[in-house]
PDB file of N, CA and C in Angstrom:
ATOM      1  N   UNK A   1       0.596  -1.249   0.034  1.00  0.00           N
ATOM      2  CA  UNK A   1      -0.179  -0.246   0.228  1.00  0.00           C
ATOM      3  C   UNK A   1       1.158   0.850   0.056  1.00  0.00           C
ATOM      4  N   UNK A   2       1.014   2.187  -0.656  1.00  0.00           N
ATOM      5  CA  UNK A   2       1.321   3.379  -0.588  1.00  0.00           C
ATOM      6  C   UNK A   2       0.825   4.837   0.098  1.00  0.00           C
ATOM      7  N   UNK A   3       1.183   5.829   0.264  1.00  0.00           N
ATOM      8  CA  UNK A   3       0.190   6.772   1.644  1.00  0.00           C
ATOM      9  C   UNK A   3      -0.367   7.297   0.493  1.00  0.00           C
ATOM     10  N   UNK A   4      -1.046   8.292   0.247  1.00  0.00           N
ATOM     11  CA  UNK A   4      -1.287   8.372   1.823  1.00  0.00           C
ATOM     12  C   UNK A   4      -2.504   7.466   1.976  1.00  0.00           C
ATOM     13  N   UNK A   5      -3.142   6.707   3.584  1.00  0.00           N
ATOM     14  CA  UNK A   5      -3.274   6.451   3.572  1.00  0.00           C
ATOM     15  C   UNK A   5      -5.204   7.107   3.916  1.00  0.00           C
ATOM     16  N   UNK A   6      -6.130   5.243   3.986  1.00  0.00           N
ATOM     17  CA  UNK A   6      -7.502   6.201   4.144  1.00  0.00           C
ATOM     18  C   UNK A   6      -7.859   5.844   5.811  1.00  0.00           C
ATOM     19  N   UNK A   7      -7.724   6.231   6.849  1.00  0.00           N
ATOM     20  CA  UNK A   7      -7.548   6.051   8.270  1.00  0.00           C
ATOM     21  C   UNK A   7      -8.841   6.596   8.917  1.00  0.00           C
ATOM     22  N   UNK A   8      -9.429   5.408   9.452  1.00  0.00           N
ATOM     23  CA  UNK A   8     -11.120   5.441   9.441  1.00  0.00           C
ATOM     24  C   UNK A   8     -10.273   4.827  11.288  1.00  0.00           C
ATOM     25  N   UNK A   9     -10.414   6.105  12.014  1.00  0.00           N
ATOM     26  CA  UNK A   9     -10.405   5.721  13.610  1.00  0.00           C
ATOM     27  C   UNK A   9     -11.976   6.157  14.969  1.00  0.00           C
ATOM     28  N   UNK A  10     -12.186   4.891  14.994  1.00  0.00           N
ATOM     29  CA  UNK A  10     -13.543   4.982  16.564  1.00  0.00           C
ATOM     30  C   UNK A  10     -13.089   5.868  17.578  1.00  0.00           C
ATOM     31  N   UNK A  11     -14.036   6.485  17.678  1.00  0.00           N
ATOM     32  CA  UNK A  11     -13.546   7.147  19.178  1.00  0.00           C
ATOM     33  C   UNK A  11     -12.696   7.965  19.402  1.00  0.00           C
ATOM     34  N   UNK A  12     -12.970   8.988  18.246  1.00  0.00           N
ATOM     35  CA  UNK A  12     -11.583   9.946  18.308  1.00  0.00           C
ATOM     36  C   UNK A  12     -11.576  10.938  18.075  1.00  0.00           C
ATOM     37  N   UNK A  13     -12.271  10.926  18.760  1.00  0.00           N
ATOM     38  CA  UNK A  13     -13.280  12.999  19.133  1.00  0.00           C
ATOM     39  C   UNK A  13     -12.522  13.240  21.114  1.00  0.00           C
ATOM     40  N   UNK A  14     -11.859  12.565  21.425  1.00  0.00           N
ATOM     41  CA  UNK A  14     -11.077  12.723  22.895  1.00  0.00           C
ATOM     42  C   UNK A  14      -9.536  11.179  22.957  1.00  0.00           C
ATOM     43  N   UNK A  15      -8.911  11.703  23.867  1.00  0.00           N
ATOM     44  CA  UNK A  15      -8.009  11.318  24.455  1.00  0.00           C
ATOM     45  C   UNK A  15      -7.268  11.156  22.893  1.00  0.00           C
ATOM     46  N   UNK A  16      -6.712   9.351  23.027  1.00  0.00           N
ATOM     47  CA  UNK A  16      -6.494   8.020  22.362  1.00  0.00           C
ATOM     48  C   UNK A  16      -6.773   8.915  20.370  1.00  0.00           C
ATOM     49  N   UNK A  17      -7.413   8.144  20.982  1.00  0.00           N
ATOM     50  CA  UNK A  17      -8.473   8.986  19.384  1.00  0.00           C
ATOM     51  C   UNK A  17      -7.651  10.090  18.646  1.00  0.00           C
ATOM     52  N   UNK A  18      -8.346  10.947  19.709  1.00  0.00           N
ATOM     53  CA  UNK A  18      -7.763  12.870  18.669  1.00  0.00           C
ATOM     54  C   UNK A  18      -6.018  12.552  18.529  1.00  0.00           C
ATOM     55  N   UNK A  19      -5.855  12.263  19.766  1.00  0.00           N
ATOM     56  CA  UNK A  19      -4.059  11.923  18.961  1.00  0.00           C
ATOM     57  C   UNK A  19      -3.594  11.529  18.295  1.00  0.00           C
ATOM     58  N   UNK A  20      -4.327  10.675  17.776  1.00  0.00           N
ATOM     59  CA  UNK A  20      -3.964   9.249  16.316  1.00  0.00           C
ATOM     60  C   UNK A  20      -4.089  10.224  15.448  1.00  0.00           C
ATOM     61  N   UNK A  21      -5.679  10.328  15.058  1.00  0.00           N
ATOM     62  CA  UNK A  21      -6.310  11.230  13.987  1.00  0.00           C
ATOM     63  C   UNK A  21      -5.551  12.715  14.160  1.00  0.00           C
ATOM     64  N   UNK A  22      -5.099  13.353  14.303  1.00  0.00           N
ATOM     65  CA  UNK A  22      -3.670  14.100  14.485  1.00  0.00           C
ATOM     66  C   UNK A  22      -2.153  13.700  14.160  1.00  0.00           C
ATOM     67  N   UNK A  23      -1.826  13.131  14.713  1.00  0.00           N
ATOM     68  CA  UNK A  23      -0.730  12.004  13.579  1.00  0.00           C
ATOM     69  C   UNK A  23      -0.600  11.241  12.693  1.00  0.00           C
ATOM     70  N   UNK A  24      -2.131  11.188  12.252  1.00  0.00           N
ATOM     71  CA  UNK A  24      -2.138  10.750  10.592  1.00  0.00           C
ATOM     72  C   UNK A  24      -2.022  11.383   9.772  1.00  0.00           C
ATOM     73  N   UNK A  25      -2.229  12.757  10.750  1.00  0.00           N
ATOM     74  CA  UNK A  25      -2.847  14.228   9.168  1.00  0.00           C
ATOM     75  C   UNK A  25      -1.166  14.288   9.225  1.00  0.00           C
ATOM     76  N   UNK A  26      -1.052  14.656  10.547  1.00  0.00           N
ATOM     77  CA  UNK A  26       0.627  15.004  10.376  1.00  0.00           C
ATOM     78  C   UNK A  26       1.210  14.656   9.056  1.00  0.00           C
ATOM     79  N   UNK A  27       1.453  13.366   8.757  1.00  0.00           N
ATOM     80  CA  UNK A  27       1.549  12.562   8.169  1.00  0.00           C
ATOM     81  C   UNK A  27       1.177  12.544   6.467  1.00  0.00           C
ATOM     82  N   UNK A  28       0.354  12.963   6.742  1.00  0.00           N
ATOM     83  CA  UNK A  28      -1.111  13.049   4.949  1.00  0.00           C
ATOM     84  C   UNK A  28      -1.934  12.359   4.945  1.00  0.00           C
ATOM     85  N   UNK A  29      -1.735  11.628   5.642  1.00  0.00           N
ATOM     86  CA  UNK A  29      -3.422  11.152   5.271  1.00  0.00           C
ATOM     87  C   UNK A  29      -4.835  10.983   5.961  1.00  0.00           C
ATOM     88  N   UNK A  30      -5.450  10.430   5.038  1.00  0.00           N
ATOM     89  CA  UNK A  30      -6.863  11.137   5.134  1.00  0.00           C
ATOM     90  C   UNK A  30      -7.796  10.986   6.268  1.00  0.00           C
ATOM     91  N   UNK A  31      -8.385  10.956   7.250  1.00  0.00           N
ATOM     92  CA  UNK A  31      -8.616  10.517   7.460  1.00  0.00           C
ATOM     93  C   UNK A  31     -10.417  10.838   7.852  1.00  0.00           C
ATOM     94  N   UNK A  32     -10.630   9.965   8.248  1.00  0.00           N
ATOM     95  CA  UNK A  32     -12.298   9.872   8.827  1.00  0.00           C
ATOM     96  C   UNK A  32     -12.408   9.918  10.731  1.00  0.00           C
ATOM     97  N   UNK A  33     -13.520  11.061  10.829  1.00  0.00           N
ATOM     98  CA  UNK A  33     -13.317  10.975  12.659  1.00  0.00           C
ATOM     99  C   UNK A  33     -14.496   9.886  12.612  1.00  0.00           C
ATOM    100  N   UNK A  34     -14.757   9.534  13.687  1.00  0.00           N
ATOM    101  CA  UNK A  34     -16.067   8.349  14.178  1.00  0.00           C
ATOM    102  C   UNK A  34     -15.595   9.089  15.789  1.00  0.00           C
ATOM    103  N   UNK A  35     -17.551   9.260  15.814  1.00  0.00           N
ATOM    104  CA  UNK A  35     -18.007   8.563  17.471  1.00  0.00           C
ATOM    105  C   UNK A  35     -19.482   8.798  17.611  1.00  0.00           C
ATOM    106  N   UNK A  36     -19.702   8.159  18.376  1.00  0.00           N
ATOM    107  CA  UNK A  36     -21.990   8.396  17.896  1.00  0.00           C
ATOM    108  C   UNK A  36     -22.479   9.556  18.620  1.00  0.00           C
ATOM    109  N   UNK A  37     -21.845  10.355  18.791  1.00  0.00           N
ATOM    110  CA  UNK A  37     -22.319  11.767  19.907  1.00  0.00           C
ATOM    111  C   UNK A  37     -21.815  13.097  18.206  1.00  0.00           C
ATOM    112  N   UNK A  38     -22.579  13.814  17.641  1.00  0.00           N
ATOM    113  CA  UNK A  38     -23.008  14.375  16.232  1.00  0.00           C
ATOM    114  C   UNK A  38     -21.660  16.251  16.524  1.00  0.00           C
ATOM    115  N   UNK A  39     -21.956  16.425  18.076  1.00  0.00           N
ATOM    116  CA  UNK A  39     -21.816  17.428  18.452  1.00  0.00           C
ATOM    117  C   UNK A  39     -20.123  17.846  18.881  1.00  0.00           C
ATOM    118  N   UNK A  40     -19.609  16.226  19.387  1.00  0.00           N
ATOM    119  CA  UNK A  40     -18.586  16.115  19.142  1.00  0.00           C
ATOM    120  C   UNK A  40     -18.284  15.826  18.636  1.00  0.00           C
ATOM    121  N   UNK A  41     -18.461  15.277  17.016  1.00  0.00           N
ATOM    122  CA  UNK A  41     -17.579  15.201  16.097  1.00  0.00           C
ATOM    123  C   UNK A  41     -17.369  16.354  15.169  1.00  0.00           C
ATOM    124  N   UNK A  42     -18.434  17.073  15.060  1.00  0.00           N
ATOM    125  CA  UNK A  42     -18.312  18.640  14.747  1.00  0.00           C
ATOM    126  C   UNK A  42     -16.516  19.907  14.863  1.00  0.00           C
ATOM    127  N   UNK A  43     -16.768  19.106  16.337  1.00  0.00           N
ATOM    128  CA  UNK A  43     -16.325  19.760  17.164  1.00  0.00           C
ATOM    129  C   UNK A  43     -14.967  19.232  16.707  1.00  0.00           C
ATOM    130  N   UNK A  44     -13.958  18.406  16.755  1.00  0.00           N
ATOM    131  CA  UNK A  44     -13.369  17.468  16.528  1.00  0.00           C
ATOM    132  C   UNK A  44     -12.836  17.462  15.121  1.00  0.00           C
ATOM    133  N   UNK A  45     -13.285  17.468  14.264  1.00  0.00           N
ATOM    134  CA  UNK A  45     -12.749  17.642  12.955  1.00  0.00           C
ATOM    135  C   UNK A  45     -12.708  19.413  12.636  1.00  0.00           C
ATOM    136  N   UNK A  46     -13.852  19.880  13.136  1.00  0.00           N
ATOM    137  CA  UNK A  46     -12.965  21.379  13.569  1.00  0.00           C
ATOM    138  C   UNK A  46     -12.135  21.755  13.482  1.00  0.00           C
ATOM    139  N   UNK A  47     -11.798  21.329  14.763  1.00  0.00           N
ATOM    140  CA  UNK A  47      -9.925  21.136  15.956  1.00  0.00           C
ATOM    141  C   UNK A  47      -9.500  20.878  15.221  1.00  0.00           C
ATOM    142  N   UNK A  48      -9.524  19.977  14.623  1.00  0.00           N
ATOM    143  CA  UNK A  48      -8.369  19.153  13.786  1.00  0.00           C
ATOM    144  C   UNK A  48      -7.960  20.261  12.906  1.00  0.00           C
ATOM    145  N   UNK A  49      -9.380  20.484  11.549  1.00  0.00           N
ATOM    146  CA  UNK A  49      -8.701  21.623  10.468  1.00  0.00           C
ATOM    147  C   UNK A  49      -7.827  22.724  11.206  1.00  0.00           C
ATOM    148  N   UNK A  50      -8.466  23.108  12.122  1.00  0.00           N
ATOM    149  CA  UNK A  50      -7.993  24.556  12.527  1.00  0.00           C
ATOM    150  C   UNK A  50      -5.993  23.775  12.931  1.00  0.00           C
ATOM    151  N   UNK A  51      -6.090  22.633  13.760  1.00  0.00           N
ATOM    152  CA  UNK A  51      -4.493  22.490  14.203  1.00  0.00           C
ATOM    153  C   UNK A  51      -3.515  22.118  13.153  1.00  0.00           C
ATOM    154  N   UNK A  52      -4.138  20.890  12.088  1.00  0.00           N
ATOM    155  CA  UNK A  52      -3.296  20.601  11.292  1.00  0.00           C
ATOM    156  C   UNK A  52      -3.233  20.964   9.987  1.00  0.00           C
ATOM    157  N   UNK A  53      -4.161  22.486   9.885  1.00  0.00           N
ATOM    158  CA  UNK A  53      -4.038  22.960   9.031  1.00  0.00           C
ATOM    159  C   UNK A  53      -4.268  22.085   6.862  1.00  0.00           C
ATOM    160  N   UNK A  54      -5.011  21.361   7.588  1.00  0.00           N
ATOM    161  CA  UNK A  54      -5.097  19.745   6.326  1.00  0.00           C
ATOM    162  C   UNK A  54      -6.599  20.221   6.333  1.00  0.00           C
ATOM    163  N   UNK A  55      -6.978  19.243   5.314  1.00  0.00           N
ATOM    164  CA  UNK A  55      -8.682  19.365   4.761  1.00  0.00           C
ATOM    165  C   UNK A  55      -8.504  17.871   4.487  1.00  0.00           C
ATOM    166  N   UNK A  56      -7.544  17.458   5.197  1.00  0.00           N
ATOM    167  CA  UNK A  56      -8.049  15.214   4.153  1.00  0.00           C
ATOM    168  C   UNK A  56      -9.107  15.073   5.650  1.00  0.00           C
ATOM    169  N   UNK A  57     -10.422  15.517   6.315  1.00  0.00           N
ATOM    170  CA  UNK A  57     -10.633  14.807   8.112  1.00  0.00           C
ATOM    171  C   UNK A  57     -11.334  14.877   7.291  1.00  0.00           C
ATOM    172  N   UNK A  58     -12.492  14.342   7.632  1.00  0.00           N
ATOM    173  CA  UNK A  58     -13.991  14.294   7.662  1.00  0.00           C
ATOM    174  C   UNK A  58     -14.883  13.739   8.715  1.00  0.00           C
ATOM    175  N   UNK A  59     -15.702  13.934   8.917  1.00  0.00           N
ATOM    176  CA  UNK A  59     -16.973  12.831  10.001  1.00  0.00           C
ATOM    177  C   UNK A  59     -17.673  12.354   9.662  1.00  0.00           C
ATOM    178  N   UNK A  60     -18.193  11.005  10.492  1.00  0.00           N
ATOM    179  CA  UNK A  60     -19.079  10.224   9.914  1.00  0.00           C
ATOM    180  C   UNK A  60     -19.459  10.114  12.199  1.00  0.00           C
ATOM    181  N   UNK A  61     -21.142  10.362  11.790  1.00  0.00           N
ATOM    182  CA  UNK A  61     -21.907   9.702  13.245  1.00  0.00           C
ATOM    183  C   UNK A  61     -22.822   8.343  12.988  1.00  0.00           C
ATOM    184  N   UNK A  62     -21.784   7.344  14.525  1.00  0.00           N
ATOM    185  CA  UNK A  62     -22.222   6.411  14.639  1.00  0.00           C
ATOM    186  C   UNK A  62     -23.682   6.882  15.150  1.00  0.00           C
ATOM    187  N   UNK A  63     -24.578   6.531  15.039  1.00  0.00           N
ATOM    188  CA  UNK A  63     -25.757   6.257  15.637  1.00  0.00           C
ATOM    189  C   UNK A  63     -25.861   5.407  17.125  1.00  0.00           C
ATOM    190  N   UNK A  64     -26.656   5.575  18.548  1.00  0.00           N
ATOM    191  CA  UNK A  64     -26.394   5.222  19.585  1.00  0.00           C
ATOM    192  C   UNK A  64     -28.057   4.163  18.884  1.00  0.00           C
ATOM    193  N   UNK A  65     -27.480   3.826  19.369  1.00  0.00           N
ATOM    194  CA  UNK A  65     -28.771   1.810  19.495  1.00  0.00           C
ATOM    195  C   UNK A  65     -29.684   2.652  20.446  1.00  0.00           C
ATOM    196  N   UNK A  66     -31.518   1.998  19.786  1.00  0.00           N
ATOM    197  CA  UNK A  66     -31.953   2.481  20.850  1.00  0.00           C
ATOM    198  C   UNK A  66     -32.080   1.771  21.839  1.00  0.00           C
ATOM    199  N   UNK A  67     -31.662   2.282  23.196  1.00  0.00           N
ATOM    200  CA  UNK A  67     -32.263   1.907  24.682  1.00  0.00           C
ATOM    201  C   UNK A  67     -33.516   0.637  25.182  1.00  0.00           C
ATOM    202  N   UNK A  68     -33.461  -0.375  24.591  1.00  0.00           N
ATOM    203  CA  UNK A  68     -34.193  -1.370  25.182  1.00  0.00           C
ATOM    204  C   UNK A  68     -34.596  -1.743  26.630  1.00  0.00           C
ATOM    205  N   UNK A  69     -35.884  -1.348  26.738  1.00  0.00           N
ATOM    206  CA  UNK A  69     -36.426  -1.904  28.206  1.00  0.00           C
ATOM    207  C   UNK A  69     -36.545  -3.423  28.612  1.00  0.00           C
ATOM    208  N   UNK A  70     -36.179  -3.625  29.510  1.00  0.00           N
ATOM    209  CA  UNK A  70     -35.494  -4.622  29.822  1.00  0.00           C
ATOM    210  C   UNK A  70     -37.551  -5.185  31.095  1.00  0.00           C
ATOM    211  N   UNK A  71     -37.441  -6.389  30.363  1.00  0.00           N
ATOM    212  CA  UNK A  71     -39.399  -6.217  31.057  1.00  0.00           C
ATOM    213  C   UNK A  71     -38.883  -8.149  31.904  1.00  0.00           C
TER     214      UNK A  71
END
């Protein structure tokens, strides 16, 4: 495989996932940010674009499963 790579990072709106996203962007890779909360994803994408100056970051929101009631 030849760079740039397409990288999907789950839980990438904070912590280790966010740090990994920053490193992949620095390397010139394309990053897909993924989380369950749309607001966190949008914020992370905005911050990553501002920090890295790269436009190789996109957002993806995983919808949370409906909570099932126990009977």
